[in-house]
C-alpha atoms as a PDB file:
ATOM      1  CA  MET A   1      -0.008  -0.013  -0.011  1.00  0.00           C
ATOM      2  CA  GLU A   2       1.146   3.558  -0.776  1.00  0.00           C
ATOM      3  CA  ILE A   3       1.403   4.679   2.863  1.00  0.00           C
ATOM      4  CA  ALA A   4       3.717   1.840   3.879  1.00  0.00           C
ATOM      5  CA  GLU A   5       5.850   2.422   0.783  1.00  0.00           C
ATOM      6  CA  GLU A   6       6.155   6.151   1.567  1.00  0.00           C
ATOM      7  CA  ALA A   7       7.093   5.307   5.240  1.00  0.00           C
ATOM      8  CA  LYS A   8       9.780   2.976   3.974  1.00  0.00           C
ATOM      9  CA  ARG A   9      11.085   5.638   1.624  1.00  0.00           C
ATOM     10  CA  LEU A  10      11.208   8.274   4.407  1.00  0.00           C
ATOM     11  CA  ALA A  11      12.864   5.864   6.858  1.00  0.00           C
ATOM     12  CA  GLN A  12      15.538   4.903   4.330  1.00  0.00           C
ATOM     13  CA  ALA A  13      16.191   8.544   3.384  1.00  0.00           C
ATOM     14  CA  GLU A  14      16.247  10.031   6.874  1.00  0.00           C
ATOM     15  CA  LEU A  15      17.624   7.562   9.427  1.00  0.00           C
ATOM     16  CA  GLY A  16      21.293   6.972  10.042  1.00  0.00           C
ATOM     17  CA  LYS A  17      22.621  10.102   8.393  1.00  0.00           C
ATOM     18  CA  HIS A  18      25.805  10.631  10.390  1.00  0.00           C
ATOM     19  CA  PRO A  19      28.819   9.972   8.155  1.00  0.00           C
ATOM     20  CA  GLY A  20      30.418   7.766  10.870  1.00  0.00           C
ATOM     21  CA  ASP A  21      27.360   5.552  11.142  1.00  0.00           C
ATOM     22  CA  ARG A  22      27.581   2.026   9.792  1.00  0.00           C
ATOM     23  CA  PRO A  23      25.138   1.031   7.044  1.00  0.00           C
ATOM     24  CA  ARG A  24      21.765   0.224   8.473  1.00  0.00           C
ATOM     25  CA  THR A  25      20.049  -3.134   8.136  1.00  0.00           C
ATOM     26  CA  GLY A  26      16.783  -1.634   6.789  1.00  0.00           C
ATOM     27  CA  LYS A  27      14.712  -3.458   9.424  1.00  0.00           C
ATOM     28  CA  MET A  28      12.879  -0.281  10.426  1.00  0.00           C
ATOM     29  CA  ALA A  29      11.947   0.607   6.809  1.00  0.00           C
ATOM     30  CA  LEU A  30      10.929  -2.948   5.977  1.00  0.00           C
ATOM     31  CA  SER A  31       8.708  -3.383   9.001  1.00  0.00           C
ATOM     32  CA  TYR A  32       5.893  -0.969   8.127  1.00  0.00           C
ATOM     33  CA  ARG A  33       2.566  -2.704   7.635  1.00  0.00           C
ATOM     34  CA  VAL A  34      -0.796  -1.368   6.552  1.00  0.00           C
ATOM     35  CA  MET A  35      -4.132  -2.973   7.378  1.00  0.00           C
ATOM     36  CA  VAL A  36      -7.242  -1.661   5.621  1.00  0.00           C
ATOM     37  CA  ILE A  37     -10.310  -1.844   7.920  1.00  0.00           C
ATOM     38  CA  PRO A  38     -12.929  -3.627   5.807  1.00  0.00           C
ATOM     39  CA  GLY A  39     -16.072  -1.615   4.893  1.00  0.00           C
ATOM     40  CA  THR A  40     -14.453   1.779   5.816  1.00  0.00           C
ATOM     41  CA  ASN A  41     -12.064   4.348   4.448  1.00  0.00           C
ATOM     42  CA  GLN A  42      -9.820   3.697   7.416  1.00  0.00           C
ATOM     43  CA  PHE A  43      -6.584   1.891   7.793  1.00  0.00           C
ATOM     44  CA  ARG A  44      -3.967   1.117  10.439  1.00  0.00           C
ATOM     45  CA  VAL A  45      -0.226   1.535   9.906  1.00  0.00           C
ATOM     46  CA  ASP A  46       2.169  -0.118  12.335  1.00  0.00           C
ATOM     47  CA  ASN A  47       5.781  -1.014  12.790  1.00  0.00           C
ATOM     48  CA  ARG A  48       6.586  -3.754  15.300  1.00  0.00           C
ATOM     49  CA  GLN A  49      10.311  -3.044  15.657  1.00  0.00           C
ATOM     50  CA  GLU A  50      11.037  -2.523  19.334  1.00  0.00           C
ATOM     51  CA  TYR A  51      12.579   0.917  18.687  1.00  0.00           C
ATOM     52  CA  ALA A  52       9.982   2.168  16.213  1.00  0.00           C
ATOM     53  CA  ALA A  53       7.994   4.187  18.825  1.00  0.00           C
ATOM     54  CA  ALA A  54      11.151   5.917  20.053  1.00  0.00           C
ATOM     55  CA  ILE A  55      12.106   6.857  16.474  1.00  0.00           C
ATOM     56  CA  GLU A  56       8.514   7.911  15.532  1.00  0.00           C
ATOM     57  CA  LEU A  57       7.589   9.825  18.731  1.00  0.00           C
ATOM     58  CA  GLY A  58      11.064  10.760  20.064  1.00  0.00           C
ATOM     59  CA  ALA A  59      12.837   9.731  23.265  1.00  0.00           C
ATOM     60  CA  GLN A  60      14.026  11.582  26.322  1.00  0.00           C
ATOM     61  CA  PRO A  61      17.731  11.358  27.370  1.00  0.00           C
ATOM     62  CA  HIS A  62      18.281   8.174  29.334  1.00  0.00           C
ATOM     63  CA  GLU A  63      20.880   5.629  30.520  1.00  0.00           C
ATOM     64  CA  ILE A  64      21.412   2.307  28.798  1.00  0.00           C
ATOM     65  CA  ARG A  65      22.965  -0.292  31.122  1.00  0.00           C
ATOM     66  CA  ALA A  66      24.406  -3.737  30.497  1.00  0.00           C
ATOM     67  CA  ARG A  67      21.854  -6.104  32.011  1.00  0.00           C
ATOM     68  CA  ARG A  68      22.098  -9.525  30.374  1.00  0.00           C
ATOM     69  CA  VAL A  69      25.803  -9.239  29.752  1.00  0.00           C
ATOM     70  CA  GLU A  70      28.686  -7.755  31.748  1.00  0.00           C
ATOM     71  CA  TYR A  71      29.544  -5.012  29.247  1.00  0.00           C
ATOM     72  CA  LEU A  72      27.945  -3.196  26.317  1.00  0.00           C
ATOM     73  CA  GLN A  73      30.187  -3.541  23.275  1.00  0.00           C
ATOM     74  CA  PHE A  74      30.024  -1.264  20.286  1.00  0.00           C
ATOM     75  CA  ARG A  75      32.231   0.486  17.752  1.00  0.00           C
ATOM     76  CA  GLY A  76      32.465   4.228  18.398  1.00  0.00           C
ATOM     77  CA  ARG A  77      32.180   6.789  15.601  1.00  0.00           C
ATOM     78  CA  ASP A  78      36.011   7.038  15.732  1.00  0.00           C
ATOM     79  CA  GLY A  79      36.163   3.367  14.731  1.00  0.00           C
ATOM     80  CA  ARG A  80      37.491   2.072  18.101  1.00  0.00           C
ATOM     81  CA  MET A  81      35.750  -0.748  19.970  1.00  0.00           C
ATOM     82  CA  ARG A  82      34.205   0.312  23.271  1.00  0.00           C
ATOM     83  CA  ARG A  83      33.327  -1.824  26.336  1.00  0.00           C
ATOM     84  CA  VAL A  84      31.299  -0.047  28.993  1.00  0.00           C
ATOM     85  CA  LYS A  85      28.731  -0.911  31.667  1.00  0.00           C
ATOM     86  CA  MET A  86      26.534   2.120  30.901  1.00  0.00           C
ATOM     87  CA  VAL A  87      26.077   4.874  28.261  1.00  0.00           C
ATOM     88  CA  HIS A  88      24.131   8.092  28.391  1.00  0.00           C
ATOM     89  CA  HIS A  89      21.731   8.210  25.342  1.00  0.00           C
ATOM     90  CA  PRO A  90      21.116  11.838  24.402  1.00  0.00           C
ATOM     91  CA  GLY A  91      17.542  11.141  23.359  1.00  0.00           C
ATOM     92  CA  ASN A  92      16.184  12.040  19.909  1.00  0.00           C
ATOM     93  CA  LYS A  93      13.521  14.249  18.401  1.00  0.00           C
ATOM     94  CA  GLU A  94      10.340  12.827  16.881  1.00  0.00           C
ATOM     95  CA  ASN A  95      10.408  11.830  13.215  1.00  0.00           C
ATOM     96  CA  LEU A  96       6.701  11.247  12.556  1.00  0.00           C
ATOM     97  CA  LEU A  97       7.508   8.990   9.558  1.00  0.00           C
ATOM     98  CA  MET A  98       4.153   7.273   9.612  1.00  0.00           C
ATOM     99  CA  SER A  99       2.059  10.418   9.871  1.00  0.00           C
ATOM    100  CA  ARG A 100       4.131  12.170   7.123  1.00  0.00           C
ATOM    101  CA  ALA A 101       3.854   9.072   4.954  1.00  0.00           C
ATOM    102  CA  ALA A 102       0.058   9.035   5.393  1.00  0.00           C
ATOM    103  CA  ASP A 103      -0.118  12.767   4.532  1.00  0.00           C
ATOM    104  CA  THR A 104       1.977  12.247   1.406  1.00  0.00           C
ATOM    105  CA  ALA A 105      -0.101   9.287   0.243  1.00  0.00           C
ATOM    106  CA  VAL A 106      -3.375  11.098   0.837  1.00  0.00           C
ATOM    107  CA  GLN A 107      -2.078  14.226  -1.004  1.00  0.00           C
ATOM    108  CA  ARG A 108      -1.171  12.078  -4.002  1.00  0.00           C
ATOM    109  CA  ARG A 109      -4.722  10.666  -4.061  1.00  0.00           C
ATOM    110  CA  ILE A 110      -6.910  13.632  -3.344  1.00  0.00           C
ATOM    111  CA  GLY A 111      -4.609  16.712  -3.380  1.00  0.00           C
ATOM    112  CA  THR A 112      -4.958  18.076   0.144  1.00  0.00           C
ATOM    113  CA  VAL A 113      -4.840  17.008   3.732  1.00  0.00           C
ATOM    114  CA  ARG A 114      -6.838  18.637   6.537  1.00  0.00           C
ATOM    115  CA  HIS A 115      -5.841  17.985  10.137  1.00  0.00           C
ATOM    116  CA  GLY A 116      -8.002  18.279  13.091  1.00  0.00           C
END
């Protein structure tokens, strides 16, 4: 469906832009699903990736702690491997990929979108 395709396009174009970031797997973009509600002009768009809500709606700064393992391991943007027990995530602003995708798809179909 057009809304899921637009959400995939937006996710692929906008996420992971930092030049030091490794290539993304595309799981976020590939996980958009659209369900049309039979007998109505309504539909539901979802993304079941565990981090989808934080990307869509934003996240406050928070700590990430090693819980199931002794250390978190990751490659820093400088290319060096890091082993730490906790990191401070700076949070992120909302992206509203699904809502912008729906607006774009509706605009293509009927020309305008009215909110509210």
